[in-house]
Amino acid sequence: MKRATIVCTASILGATFFTAQCRERPVWNSNWDHREASSFCKPGTPDEVVATKQSKVRRKLFLIRHGQYVHEPTDEKRVLTELGRKQAECTGNRLAELGVKYSDVIISTMTRARETGDIILEQIPHVLEVGHTITRTDILVEGSPIEAIPRIRFKPDQYEFEDGPRIEAAFRRFFHRAHFEQTTPSHEVIVCHANVIRYFVCRATQNPPEGWLRMSLANGSITEVVIEPNGQVYVMGVGDKGHLPADMITFN
């Protein structure tokens, strides 16, 4: 009886502490992307006009980590390994099997991401929308987004100081609800890097971005994020690697 009482008391104290901690957390910011209908209108705009600026459809983002690559001092030499090329092919095949049309493919300009994106594009030409766009951009290159907590390994502060604003700018560019003029749901592919994707997931879910290093993503993995018209965000999967055979799963 005494042991049961102690366990019960500990459980109650734990629940009380957890509840207290939750109450200290901020509420969900529904206008996190500054694209609520009212954001497009001057103060005093009639409600019926504001309503026309409401987003109408969802966006779904497929965040792809590049395949395994050769570790060399310069980016030009950091090409995909043979296994990395096979991983990218499997990822492209998986995207082709999902039964959706892709409106945009956005690719980091780093060699390993560029090669991964090119291989994926070879697998999905029949599931690209008419008028689709392919964008290659430096804003998605790998980097240190923010000091990780806990800090697993030392890295001079200058990296976060330099990389952080760029990666945050990439988040703001690509993560937002659909424009109010968009009338059909969109499915978009972003091929980039583990640090960038992990930071995006933390920011999109309004969790502390310093927690980005608490996740691990396999090469060629798929992370799915849905952004609803009302600004709600759902992560459908983080680092999904089920499309890769067990002997093809790597994290380097």
Protein backbone atom coordinates (compact mmCIF):
# COMPACT_ATOMS: atom_id res chain seq x y z
CA MET A 1 0.00 0.00 0.00
CA LYS A 2 2.83 2.38 0.90
CA ARG A 3 4.57 1.75 -2.45
CA ALA A 4 1.33 2.31 -4.34
CA THR A 5 0.81 5.59 -2.49
CA ILE A 6 4.30 6.78 -3.42
CA VAL A 7 3.81 5.87 -7.08
CA CYS A 8 0.43 7.60 -7.12
CA THR A 9 1.84 10.73 -5.50
CA ALA A 10 4.73 10.82 -7.96
CA SER A 11 2.30 10.44 -10.87
CA ILE A 12 0.17 13.31 -9.60
CA LEU A 13 3.20 15.54 -9.11
CA GLY A 14 4.47 14.65 -12.58
CA ALA A 15 1.11 15.41 -14.16
CA THR A 16 0.90 18.71 -12.27
CA PHE A 17 4.39 19.71 -13.44
CA PHE A 18 3.58 18.73 -17.03
CA THR A 19 0.34 20.71 -16.96
CA ALA A 20 2.11 23.74 -15.51
CA GLN A 21 4.77 23.56 -18.21
CA CYS A 22 2.14 23.33 -20.94
CA ARG A 23 0.33 26.39 -19.61
CA GLU A 24 3.53 28.40 -19.94
CA ARG A 25 3.79 27.68 -23.64
CA PRO A 26 2.43 30.21 -26.13
CA VAL A 27 -0.71 29.49 -28.11
CA TRP A 28 -0.62 28.66 -31.81
CA ASN A 29 0.01 31.73 -33.96
CA SER A 30 -2.50 31.33 -36.79
CA ASN A 31 -0.96 34.18 -38.77
CA TRP A 32 2.59 32.81 -38.59
CA ASP A 33 3.08 33.37 -42.34
CA HIS A 34 1.47 36.85 -42.39
CA ARG A 35 -0.99 35.64 -45.01
CA GLU A 36 -4.31 35.66 -43.18
CA ALA A 37 -6.97 37.41 -45.25
CA SER A 38 -6.79 40.54 -43.11
CA SER A 39 -3.07 40.84 -43.84
CA PHE A 40 -3.89 41.82 -47.42
CA CYS A 41 -6.34 44.57 -46.45
CA LYS A 42 -6.18 48.01 -44.90
CA PRO A 43 -7.87 48.55 -41.52
CA GLY A 44 -11.57 49.19 -41.96
CA THR A 45 -11.89 47.08 -45.13
CA PRO A 46 -15.44 45.60 -45.32
CA ASP A 47 -15.66 41.98 -44.16
CA GLU A 48 -16.99 40.81 -47.52
CA VAL A 49 -13.86 42.20 -49.21
CA VAL A 50 -11.55 40.67 -46.61
CA ALA A 51 -13.22 37.29 -47.20
CA THR A 52 -12.12 37.34 -50.85
CA LYS A 53 -8.50 37.32 -49.71
CA GLN A 54 -8.88 34.04 -47.79
CA SER A 55 -6.68 31.15 -48.90
CA LYS A 56 -8.84 28.39 -50.41
CA VAL A 57 -6.68 25.30 -50.94
CA ARG A 58 -3.90 23.38 -49.24
CA ARG A 59 -0.25 23.09 -50.13
CA LYS A 60 1.71 19.90 -49.59
CA LEU A 61 5.49 20.02 -49.46
CA PHE A 62 7.72 16.99 -49.99
CA LEU A 63 11.12 17.70 -48.46
CA ILE A 64 13.78 15.37 -49.82
CA ARG A 65 17.22 14.86 -48.33
CA HIS A 66 19.91 14.24 -50.95
CA GLY A 67 21.46 10.80 -51.46
CA GLN A 68 24.69 9.54 -49.93
CA TYR A 69 27.70 11.45 -51.21
CA VAL A 70 31.51 11.37 -51.27
CA HIS A 71 33.04 13.40 -48.42
CA GLU A 72 35.59 15.73 -49.99
CA PRO A 73 36.92 19.18 -49.04
CA THR A 74 35.09 21.07 -51.81
CA ASP A 75 31.49 20.98 -52.94
CA GLU A 76 32.38 20.24 -56.56
CA LYS A 77 33.88 16.91 -55.50
CA ARG A 78 31.03 15.96 -53.14
CA VAL A 79 29.22 13.94 -55.77
CA LEU A 80 26.75 11.18 -55.06
CA THR A 81 28.11 7.70 -54.50
CA GLU A 82 26.72 4.89 -56.58
CA LEU A 83 24.47 4.02 -53.64
CA GLY A 84 23.42 7.66 -53.37
CA ARG A 85 22.30 7.62 -57.00
CA LYS A 86 20.25 4.50 -56.38
CA GLN A 87 18.67 6.13 -53.30
CA ALA A 88 17.67 9.13 -55.39
CA GLU A 89 16.15 6.86 -58.02
CA CYS A 90 14.10 5.05 -55.38
CA THR A 91 12.92 8.36 -53.98
CA GLY A 92 11.89 9.54 -57.43
CA ASN A 93 9.99 6.31 -58.02
CA ARG A 94 8.21 6.77 -54.69
CA LEU A 95 7.12 10.28 -55.61
CA ALA A 96 5.85 8.97 -58.93
CA GLU A 97 3.74 6.34 -57.15
CA LEU A 98 1.87 8.73 -54.86
CA GLY A 99 -0.83 9.56 -57.39
CA VAL A 100 -0.39 13.35 -57.39
CA LYS A 101 0.85 15.95 -59.85
CA TYR A 102 3.74 18.18 -58.85
CA SER A 103 3.58 21.88 -59.62
CA ASP A 104 7.06 22.89 -58.49
CA VAL A 105 10.44 21.25 -57.95
CA ILE A 106 12.93 23.33 -55.99
CA ILE A 107 16.53 22.15 -55.67
CA SER A 108 19.54 23.30 -53.67
CA THR A 109 22.52 24.17 -55.85
CA MET A 110 24.99 22.06 -53.84
CA THR A 111 26.35 19.22 -55.96
CA ARG A 112 24.83 16.36 -53.96
CA ALA A 113 21.38 17.97 -53.94
CA ARG A 114 21.57 19.00 -57.59
CA GLU A 115 22.47 15.45 -58.68
CA THR A 116 19.70 14.03 -56.47
CA GLY A 117 17.18 16.45 -57.96
CA ASP A 118 18.18 15.63 -61.52
CA ILE A 119 17.77 11.89 -60.89
CA ILE A 120 14.37 12.45 -59.27
CA LEU A 121 13.24 14.54 -62.23
CA GLU A 122 14.11 11.63 -64.52
CA GLN A 123 11.62 9.46 -62.60
CA ILE A 124 8.67 11.85 -62.47
CA PRO A 125 8.21 13.55 -65.88
CA HIS A 126 4.76 11.96 -66.25
CA VAL A 127 3.54 13.35 -62.92
CA LEU A 128 4.64 16.96 -63.40
CA GLU A 129 1.84 19.45 -63.95
CA VAL A 130 1.60 21.31 -67.24
CA GLY A 131 3.34 24.61 -66.61
CA HIS A 132 5.35 23.27 -63.68
CA THR A 133 8.44 25.14 -62.53
CA ILE A 134 11.93 23.85 -61.72
CA THR A 135 13.99 26.16 -59.53
CA ARG A 136 17.61 25.79 -58.43
CA THR A 137 18.54 28.13 -55.63
CA ASP A 138 21.46 28.91 -53.31
CA ILE A 139 19.10 29.80 -50.47
CA LEU A 140 18.62 26.09 -49.72
CA VAL A 141 22.29 25.10 -49.40
CA GLU A 142 23.35 23.29 -46.23
CA GLY A 143 24.36 25.20 -43.13
CA SER A 144 23.90 25.66 -39.39
CA PRO A 145 20.49 27.29 -38.88
CA ILE A 146 20.68 28.09 -35.18
CA GLU A 147 22.60 26.89 -32.14
CA ALA A 148 21.26 23.44 -31.30
CA ILE A 149 20.12 22.61 -27.79
CA PRO A 150 21.58 20.37 -26.55
CA ARG A 151 24.76 21.19 -28.41
CA ILE A 152 26.17 17.85 -29.50
CA ARG A 153 29.34 19.10 -31.11
CA PHE A 154 31.21 22.38 -31.12
CA LYS A 155 31.01 24.71 -34.07
CA PRO A 156 32.14 28.35 -34.06
CA ASP A 157 29.26 30.81 -33.66
CA GLN A 158 30.04 32.45 -36.99
CA TYR A 159 28.39 29.58 -38.88
CA GLU A 160 24.99 30.10 -37.27
CA PHE A 161 25.46 33.86 -37.57
CA GLU A 162 26.03 33.55 -41.33
CA ASP A 163 23.78 30.61 -42.21
CA GLY A 164 20.85 31.26 -39.89
CA PRO A 165 19.34 34.31 -41.62
CA ARG A 166 19.58 32.63 -45.02
CA ILE A 167 17.88 29.41 -43.87
CA GLU A 168 15.20 31.43 -42.09
CA ALA A 169 14.68 33.40 -45.31
CA ALA A 170 14.26 30.09 -47.16
CA PHE A 171 11.61 29.03 -44.66
CA ARG A 172 9.71 32.28 -45.14
CA ARG A 173 9.92 31.97 -48.92
CA PHE A 174 8.67 28.40 -49.23
CA PHE A 175 6.50 27.85 -46.16
CA HIS A 176 3.17 29.67 -46.27
CA ARG A 177 -0.47 28.99 -47.02
CA ALA A 178 -1.61 29.09 -50.65
CA HIS A 179 -2.21 32.53 -52.18
CA PHE A 180 -5.88 33.49 -52.25
CA GLU A 181 -5.83 33.37 -56.08
CA GLN A 182 -4.72 29.72 -56.10
CA THR A 183 -7.74 27.51 -56.81
CA THR A 184 -6.32 23.99 -56.84
CA PRO A 185 -4.23 22.17 -54.20
CA SER A 186 -0.52 22.05 -54.95
CA HIS A 187 2.16 19.44 -54.38
CA GLU A 188 5.72 20.72 -54.34
CA VAL A 189 9.08 18.97 -54.07
CA ILE A 190 12.04 20.55 -52.30
CA VAL A 191 15.38 18.75 -52.59
CA CYS A 192 17.90 19.97 -50.05
CA HIS A 193 19.71 19.01 -46.84
CA ALA A 194 19.16 17.49 -43.41
CA ASN A 195 19.90 20.57 -41.31
CA VAL A 196 17.65 22.73 -43.46
CA ILE A 197 14.78 20.25 -43.40
CA ARG A 198 14.99 19.71 -39.65
CA TYR A 199 14.91 23.44 -39.04
CA PHE A 200 11.93 23.81 -41.40
CA VAL A 201 9.99 21.15 -39.46
CA CYS A 202 10.62 22.89 -36.13
CA ARG A 203 9.61 26.28 -37.49
CA ALA A 204 6.53 25.02 -39.33
CA THR A 205 5.20 23.29 -36.23
CA GLN A 206 6.06 26.28 -34.00
CA ASN A 207 8.33 24.14 -31.85
CA PRO A 208 11.61 25.58 -30.55
CA PRO A 209 13.92 25.77 -33.58
CA GLU A 210 16.88 25.00 -31.31
CA GLY A 211 15.60 21.41 -31.28
CA TRP A 212 16.46 20.78 -34.93
CA LEU A 213 19.37 18.45 -34.13
CA ARG A 214 17.14 16.09 -32.11
CA MET A 215 15.95 14.51 -35.37
CA SER A 216 17.87 12.35 -37.82
CA LEU A 217 17.11 12.01 -41.53
CA ALA A 218 18.25 9.23 -43.84
CA ASN A 219 19.66 9.91 -47.27
CA GLY A 220 16.85 9.99 -49.82
CA SER A 221 14.20 10.27 -47.12
CA ILE A 222 10.90 12.11 -47.56
CA THR A 223 9.40 14.55 -45.08
CA GLU A 224 5.80 15.61 -45.83
CA VAL A 225 4.29 18.86 -44.58
CA VAL A 226 0.74 20.04 -45.24
CA ILE A 227 -0.24 23.72 -44.94
CA GLU A 228 -3.99 24.25 -44.74
CA PRO A 229 -5.84 27.38 -45.98
CA ASN A 230 -6.41 28.47 -42.39
CA GLY A 231 -2.69 28.31 -41.63
CA GLN A 232 -2.74 25.05 -39.70
CA VAL A 233 0.26 22.83 -40.36
CA TYR A 234 0.43 19.04 -40.28
CA VAL A 235 3.58 16.95 -40.58
CA MET A 236 2.53 13.72 -42.28
CA GLY A 237 5.94 12.09 -41.89
CA VAL A 238 9.51 12.99 -40.99
CA GLY A 239 12.41 11.26 -42.74
CA ASP A 240 10.27 8.48 -44.25
CA LYS A 241 12.62 5.87 -45.72
CA GLY A 242 10.19 2.99 -46.23
CA HIS A 243 10.72 3.16 -49.99
CA LEU A 244 14.39 2.21 -49.54
CA PRO A 245 15.53 -1.40 -49.10
CA ALA A 246 17.12 -2.02 -45.72
CA ASP A 247 20.61 -2.38 -47.20
CA MET A 248 20.31 1.04 -48.88
CA ILE A 249 19.58 3.09 -45.76
CA THR A 250 22.38 5.49 -44.80
CA PHE A 251 22.65 8.72 -42.85
CA ASN A 252 25.85 10.26 -44.21
